[in-house]
Amino acid sequence: MPLFWRIFLLNAVVLITATVLLLGPVTVSTPVLLTEAFVLTVGLAAMLGANALLLRVGLAPLQRVTRAMSTTDLLRPGQRPEVTGRGEIAELISTYNTMLDRLEDERATSSARALSAQEDERRRIAQELHDEVGQSLTAVLLQLKRVADHAPPELREELSLVQETTRGSLDEIRRIARRLRPGVLDELGLASALKALTTEFGGPGLTVQHRLDPDLPDLGPEAELVLYRVAQEGLTNIARHADARRAEVSLRRSPSGVELRVQDDGRGIGDASEGAGILGMRERALLVGADLDVGPAADGGTRVRLSVPVPVRGPAPVRTPSPVTTAPDRKHRT
């Protein structure tokens, strides 16, 4: 029976019973006798209790939906209230779950487009920094060297300082270009890119170690880029906020795919809310169906764990030989 009719019939029973008592032979003395007051009190308590019980049982699924609405996070998909109840209640919960499915799909699609556009823009800026600004600074260095060779001795020291400043700027531009779009990831693969990343973040105040399994499965370029970006963001947070002395990046095979861990011995995340960096990591994890967990490490720091499943690939299409022989296409890397 629908919730509306259950509540309506119970209230109708209460009102009809009260009307029958008023119109019937049962009367209340003046002043009210103790037994009459007791009977009225017990009857009223019974009707209120029955009404409350029905409302509690009938509206309990709505309370679960309310809790789900207040705790649902689209960056943590899969959280769904159980479909219970009958009639409109079950239909409402099913409709809400369907709405969450649609919202998660739309969020994943829009995030994929945004991150794809971001990676394209990173690639374009990195290429322009490398080709335009880098070549211009290289030309400036060559010109400074020629000027220093023909300059008076009293100006050579100053020109040497200008050369060192220009060389430092050139190295910084190359470092920024590598962070924007790591060429080693495209050319040498994920393991070499992670090794280069740990070397880049290591320094006098922070020791970064890496532990990489040699027999990692083939994950595809999208999953490898997500793993690299999560490791990069994790190390960036360690260098900026953790006050750590030691960090470790590990990439190991798991039963379902691979697991990336970035952990440190710093002050930990504590009760701080997740910032844009962690939210960005969660959005990237959704693109490849990965599971991201950020929590305290065993030695008191912070641990970022990313579990990436191996993508399921169908059988390779059967290719029929072509009777026409053509020259192979040339592929250029950017």
Protein backbone atom coordinates (compact mmCIF):
# COMPACT_ATOMS: atom_id res chain seq x y z
CA MET A 1 0.00 0.00 0.00
CA PRO A 2 1.37 3.47 -0.81
CA LEU A 3 2.68 5.61 2.03
CA PHE A 4 -0.04 8.21 1.50
CA TRP A 5 -2.86 5.74 2.02
CA ARG A 6 -1.20 4.12 5.04
CA ILE A 7 -0.89 7.46 6.83
CA PHE A 8 -4.36 8.55 5.71
CA LEU A 9 -6.08 5.36 6.90
CA LEU A 10 -4.37 5.42 10.29
CA ASN A 11 -5.35 9.04 10.87
CA ALA A 12 -8.87 8.22 9.65
CA VAL A 13 -9.11 5.40 12.20
CA VAL A 14 -8.02 7.76 14.96
CA LEU A 15 -10.57 10.41 13.98
CA ILE A 16 -13.42 7.92 13.51
CA THR A 17 -12.71 6.34 16.90
CA ALA A 18 -12.72 9.74 18.58
CA THR A 19 -16.01 10.67 16.85
CA VAL A 20 -17.67 7.39 17.89
CA LEU A 21 -16.64 7.93 21.47
CA LEU A 22 -18.06 11.45 21.48
CA LEU A 23 -21.38 10.41 19.92
CA GLY A 24 -21.71 7.10 21.72
CA PRO A 25 -23.04 6.24 25.18
CA VAL A 26 -19.63 6.61 26.74
CA THR A 27 -19.49 9.84 28.70
CA VAL A 28 -17.00 11.60 30.88
CA SER A 29 -18.08 12.70 34.30
CA THR A 30 -17.62 16.15 35.69
CA PRO A 31 -15.33 16.22 37.50
CA VAL A 32 -13.41 13.49 35.66
CA LEU A 33 -13.09 10.26 37.54
CA LEU A 34 -9.68 8.68 37.97
CA THR A 35 -10.64 5.54 36.03
CA GLU A 36 -12.05 7.61 33.15
CA ALA A 37 -8.90 9.71 32.98
CA PHE A 38 -6.80 6.55 32.97
CA VAL A 39 -8.81 5.01 30.11
CA LEU A 40 -8.60 8.22 28.04
CA THR A 41 -4.88 8.51 28.66
CA VAL A 42 -4.22 4.90 27.69
CA GLY A 43 -6.33 5.22 24.54
CA LEU A 44 -4.63 8.45 23.48
CA ALA A 45 -1.18 6.97 24.13
CA ALA A 46 -2.06 3.86 22.10
CA MET A 47 -3.27 5.90 19.12
CA LEU A 48 -0.23 8.20 19.25
CA GLY A 49 2.09 5.22 19.56
CA ALA A 50 0.51 3.46 16.59
CA ASN A 51 0.74 6.62 14.51
CA ALA A 52 4.39 7.17 15.49
CA LEU A 53 5.29 3.54 14.76
CA LEU A 54 3.78 3.67 11.30
CA LEU A 55 5.49 6.94 10.47
CA ARG A 56 8.83 5.65 11.79
CA VAL A 57 8.66 2.46 9.74
CA GLY A 58 7.33 4.19 6.64
CA LEU A 59 9.74 7.13 6.67
CA ALA A 60 12.92 5.26 7.71
CA PRO A 61 14.06 4.77 4.08
CA LEU A 62 13.68 8.52 3.53
CA GLN A 63 16.05 9.17 6.42
CA ARG A 64 18.63 6.90 4.80
CA VAL A 65 18.25 8.83 1.55
CA THR A 66 18.70 12.10 3.46
CA ARG A 67 21.93 10.83 5.04
CA ALA A 68 23.15 9.65 1.64
CA MET A 69 22.42 13.07 0.12
CA SER A 70 24.46 14.81 2.81
CA THR A 71 27.46 12.45 2.54
CA THR A 72 27.61 11.56 -1.17
CA ASP A 73 30.82 12.68 -2.89
CA LEU A 74 31.08 12.37 -6.67
CA LEU A 75 34.85 11.98 -6.33
CA ARG A 76 34.22 8.79 -4.33
CA PRO A 77 31.81 6.93 -6.60
CA GLY A 78 29.79 3.86 -5.77
CA GLN A 79 28.09 5.08 -2.59
CA ARG A 80 24.42 4.15 -2.90
CA PRO A 81 21.57 3.84 -0.34
CA GLU A 82 19.94 0.42 -0.24
CA VAL A 83 16.59 0.22 -2.01
CA THR A 84 14.11 -0.68 0.76
CA GLY A 85 10.49 0.02 1.46
CA ARG A 86 7.56 -0.27 -0.90
CA GLY A 87 5.72 1.89 -3.36
CA GLU A 88 6.83 5.49 -3.65
CA ILE A 89 9.70 5.06 -1.16
CA ALA A 90 11.44 2.33 -3.17
CA GLU A 91 10.80 4.27 -6.37
CA LEU A 92 12.31 7.42 -4.83
CA ILE A 93 15.48 5.59 -3.74
CA SER A 94 15.85 3.92 -7.14
CA THR A 95 15.41 7.28 -8.89
CA TYR A 96 18.01 8.85 -6.60
CA ASN A 97 20.51 6.07 -7.36
CA THR A 98 19.86 6.49 -11.08
CA MET A 99 20.47 10.22 -10.72
CA LEU A 100 23.80 9.54 -8.98
CA ASP A 101 24.83 7.19 -11.80
CA ARG A 102 24.10 9.89 -14.34
CA LEU A 103 25.88 12.59 -12.34
CA GLU A 104 28.98 10.42 -11.87
CA ASP A 105 29.08 9.64 -15.59
CA GLU A 106 28.70 13.31 -16.49
CA ARG A 107 31.33 14.31 -13.93
CA ALA A 108 33.78 11.73 -15.27
CA THR A 109 33.15 12.86 -18.86
CA SER A 110 33.57 16.55 -18.08
CA SER A 111 36.69 15.87 -15.98
CA ALA A 112 38.18 13.82 -18.81
CA ARG A 113 37.61 16.66 -21.25
CA ALA A 114 39.03 19.26 -18.89
CA LEU A 115 42.11 17.20 -18.03
CA SER A 116 42.68 16.33 -21.69
CA ALA A 117 42.54 20.01 -22.60
CA GLN A 118 44.88 20.75 -19.70
CA GLU A 119 47.42 18.16 -20.87
CA ASP A 120 47.25 19.53 -24.43
CA GLU A 121 47.87 23.03 -23.12
CA ARG A 122 50.76 21.79 -20.96
CA ARG A 123 52.27 20.08 -23.99
CA ARG A 124 51.94 23.24 -26.10
CA ILE A 125 53.46 25.51 -23.45
CA ALA A 126 56.29 23.07 -22.75
CA GLN A 127 57.10 22.86 -26.45
CA GLU A 128 57.08 26.64 -26.82
CA LEU A 129 59.30 27.06 -23.77
CA HIS A 130 61.73 24.49 -25.12
CA ASP A 131 61.72 25.64 -28.74
CA GLU A 132 61.22 29.39 -28.50
CA VAL A 133 62.46 30.62 -25.12
CA GLY A 134 65.11 27.93 -24.76
CA GLN A 135 66.59 28.58 -28.19
CA SER A 136 66.52 32.33 -27.62
CA LEU A 137 68.41 32.00 -24.33
CA THR A 138 70.88 29.65 -25.97
CA ALA A 139 71.52 32.25 -28.66
CA VAL A 140 71.99 34.89 -25.95
CA LEU A 141 74.58 32.66 -24.24
CA LEU A 142 76.52 32.26 -27.49
CA GLN A 143 76.46 36.01 -28.09
CA LEU A 144 77.61 36.71 -24.55
CA LYS A 145 80.49 34.29 -25.03
CA ARG A 146 81.59 36.06 -28.19
CA VAL A 147 81.34 39.45 -26.50
CA ALA A 148 83.27 38.17 -23.46
CA ASP A 149 86.06 36.86 -25.71
CA HIS A 150 86.56 40.33 -27.24
CA ALA A 151 85.76 42.40 -24.15
CA PRO A 152 88.35 44.18 -22.00
CA PRO A 153 89.54 42.24 -18.97
CA GLU A 154 87.70 44.54 -16.54
CA LEU A 155 84.34 43.62 -18.18
CA ARG A 156 84.86 39.88 -18.52
CA GLU A 157 83.97 39.16 -14.90
CA GLU A 158 80.67 41.00 -15.19
CA LEU A 159 79.90 39.28 -18.47
CA SER A 160 80.70 35.94 -16.84
CA LEU A 161 78.12 36.69 -14.12
CA VAL A 162 75.56 37.53 -16.80
CA GLN A 163 76.36 34.25 -18.54
CA GLU A 164 75.83 32.27 -15.33
CA THR A 165 72.52 34.04 -14.69
CA THR A 166 71.35 33.31 -18.22
CA ARG A 167 72.46 29.69 -17.96
CA GLY A 168 70.55 29.33 -14.68
CA SER A 169 67.44 30.79 -16.29
CA LEU A 170 67.79 28.34 -19.18
CA ASP A 171 68.05 25.40 -16.77
CA GLU A 172 64.97 26.65 -14.89
CA ILE A 173 62.97 26.91 -18.11
CA ARG A 174 63.96 23.38 -19.06
CA ARG A 175 62.94 22.15 -15.61
CA ILE A 176 59.55 23.86 -15.93
CA ALA A 177 59.08 22.36 -19.38
CA ARG A 178 59.84 18.88 -18.02
CA ARG A 179 57.25 19.33 -15.27
CA LEU A 180 54.65 20.54 -17.71
CA ARG A 181 55.12 17.60 -20.07
CA PRO A 182 57.73 14.97 -19.20
CA GLY A 183 59.30 13.83 -22.44
CA VAL A 184 60.92 10.88 -20.66
CA LEU A 185 57.46 9.43 -20.00
CA ASP A 186 56.68 9.28 -23.73
CA GLU A 187 60.14 8.15 -24.77
CA LEU A 188 61.37 5.80 -22.02
CA GLY A 189 58.24 4.77 -20.13
CA LEU A 190 56.76 5.12 -16.67
CA ALA A 191 59.58 3.55 -14.64
CA SER A 192 62.23 5.87 -16.07
CA ALA A 193 59.92 8.87 -15.63
CA LEU A 194 59.36 8.06 -11.95
CA LYS A 195 63.09 7.62 -11.38
CA ALA A 196 63.75 11.01 -12.97
CA LEU A 197 60.97 12.52 -10.84
CA THR A 198 62.47 11.25 -7.59
CA THR A 199 65.87 12.57 -8.62
CA GLU A 200 64.38 15.97 -9.38
CA PHE A 201 62.68 16.32 -5.99
CA GLY A 202 65.60 14.95 -4.00
CA GLY A 203 67.99 17.41 -2.42
CA PRO A 204 69.99 18.26 0.70
CA GLY A 205 66.89 18.56 2.89
CA LEU A 206 64.82 15.73 1.38
CA THR A 207 65.89 12.23 0.43
CA VAL A 208 63.56 10.59 -2.08
CA GLN A 209 63.86 6.85 -2.74
CA HIS A 210 62.08 4.73 -5.33
CA ARG A 211 61.05 1.07 -5.35
CA LEU A 212 59.76 -0.07 -8.72
CA ASP A 213 58.85 -3.63 -9.67
CA PRO A 214 60.52 -4.72 -12.90
CA ASP A 215 57.61 -6.81 -14.23
CA LEU A 216 54.80 -4.26 -14.36
CA PRO A 217 51.81 -4.96 -16.65
CA ASP A 218 50.98 -2.87 -19.67
CA LEU A 219 48.65 -0.11 -18.46
CA GLY A 220 48.32 2.12 -21.48
CA PRO A 221 49.33 5.79 -21.91
CA GLU A 222 46.35 7.24 -20.01
CA ALA A 223 46.92 5.17 -16.88
CA GLU A 224 50.67 5.82 -16.98
CA LEU A 225 50.05 9.56 -17.21
CA VAL A 226 47.67 9.39 -14.24
CA LEU A 227 50.25 7.47 -12.20
CA TYR A 228 52.94 9.99 -13.07
CA ARG A 229 50.78 13.02 -12.25
CA VAL A 230 49.67 11.56 -8.91
CA ALA A 231 53.29 10.83 -7.97
CA GLN A 232 54.28 14.33 -9.07
CA GLU A 233 51.52 15.97 -7.04
CA GLY A 234 52.32 13.81 -4.01
CA LEU A 235 56.00 14.77 -4.09
CA THR A 236 55.09 18.42 -4.64
CA ASN A 237 52.92 18.39 -1.51
CA ILE A 238 55.73 16.72 0.45
CA ALA A 239 58.28 19.31 -0.67
CA ARG A 240 55.96 22.25 0.08
CA HIS A 241 54.04 21.29 3.22
CA ALA A 242 55.30 18.11 4.90
CA ASP A 243 58.62 19.27 6.43
CA ALA A 244 59.83 15.74 5.76
CA ARG A 245 63.37 14.44 5.60
CA ARG A 246 62.65 11.22 3.73
CA ALA A 247 60.09 10.23 1.10
CA GLU A 248 59.53 7.09 -0.92
CA VAL A 249 57.81 6.35 -4.22
CA SER A 250 56.92 2.72 -4.85
CA LEU A 251 55.17 1.11 -7.80
CA ARG A 252 54.30 -2.54 -7.41
CA ARG A 253 52.17 -5.14 -9.09
CA SER A 254 48.88 -5.92 -7.34
CA PRO A 255 46.29 -8.67 -7.92
CA SER A 256 44.14 -6.33 -10.02
CA GLY A 257 46.82 -4.14 -11.61
CA VAL A 258 49.45 -1.89 -10.03
CA GLU A 259 49.65 0.10 -6.82
CA LEU A 260 51.47 3.41 -6.45
CA ARG A 261 52.50 4.65 -3.02
CA VAL A 262 53.97 8.02 -2.14
CA GLN A 263 54.73 8.43 1.56
CA ASP A 264 56.91 10.55 3.81
CA ASP A 265 57.96 10.94 7.44
CA GLY A 266 56.72 14.52 7.81
CA ARG A 267 54.10 16.11 10.01
CA GLY A 268 51.14 14.43 8.29
CA ILE A 269 47.91 15.79 6.91
CA GLY A 270 46.13 15.91 10.29
CA ASP A 271 42.59 17.30 10.26
CA ALA A 272 43.21 19.60 7.32
CA SER A 273 40.63 19.50 4.55
CA GLU A 274 41.60 18.20 1.14
CA GLY A 275 42.98 20.93 -1.08
CA ALA A 276 43.00 21.40 -4.82
CA GLY A 277 45.97 19.06 -5.23
CA ILE A 278 44.28 16.03 -3.64
CA LEU A 279 40.98 16.78 -5.37
CA GLY A 280 42.87 16.91 -8.67
CA MET A 281 44.39 13.51 -7.92
CA ARG A 282 40.94 12.08 -7.24
CA GLU A 283 39.62 13.44 -10.54
CA ARG A 284 42.54 11.87 -12.40
CA ALA A 285 41.99 8.56 -10.62
CA LEU A 286 38.37 8.48 -11.80
CA LEU A 287 39.50 8.69 -15.43
CA VAL A 288 41.07 5.22 -15.30
CA GLY A 289 38.78 3.64 -12.71
CA ALA A 290 41.46 3.79 -10.02
CA ASP A 291 41.03 3.97 -6.24
CA LEU A 292 42.84 6.77 -4.38
CA ASP A 293 43.37 6.74 -0.63
CA VAL A 294 45.10 9.51 1.32
CA GLY A 295 45.82 8.89 4.99
CA PRO A 296 48.47 8.72 7.71
CA ALA A 297 51.61 6.71 7.07
CA ALA A 298 53.07 4.16 9.48
CA ASP A 299 55.91 6.49 10.54
CA GLY A 300 53.67 9.49 11.18
CA GLY A 301 53.72 11.17 7.77
CA THR A 302 51.24 11.01 4.92
CA ARG A 303 50.60 8.11 2.55
CA VAL A 304 49.04 8.43 -0.89
CA ARG A 305 47.94 5.10 -2.34
CA LEU A 306 46.64 4.74 -5.90
CA SER A 307 45.39 1.35 -7.10
CA VAL A 308 45.07 1.22 -10.89
CA PRO A 309 43.39 -1.79 -12.51
CA VAL A 310 44.76 -3.28 -15.69
CA PRO A 311 42.55 -2.15 -18.59
CA VAL A 312 40.61 -4.93 -20.24
CA ARG A 313 41.39 -5.09 -23.90
CA GLY A 314 39.46 -7.03 -26.47
CA PRO A 315 41.02 -9.32 -29.06
CA ALA A 316 43.09 -7.60 -31.67
CA PRO A 317 41.24 -6.98 -34.92
CA VAL A 318 42.12 -9.22 -37.85
CA ARG A 319 43.95 -7.25 -40.51
CA THR A 320 43.73 -8.29 -44.13
CA PRO A 321 46.82 -7.66 -46.23
CA SER A 322 46.52 -4.80 -48.67
CA PRO A 323 47.53 -5.40 -52.28
CA VAL A 324 48.89 -1.84 -52.54
CA THR A 325 52.28 -1.17 -50.93
CA THR A 326 52.60 2.27 -49.43
CA ALA A 327 55.40 4.02 -47.63
CA PRO A 328 55.15 3.95 -43.84
CA ASP A 329 53.95 7.09 -42.11
CA ARG A 330 56.44 9.03 -40.06
CA LYS A 331 55.43 9.80 -36.53
CA HIS A 332 56.86 12.78 -34.73
CA ARG A 333 56.90 13.19 -30.97
CA THR A 334 56.19 16.51 -29.46
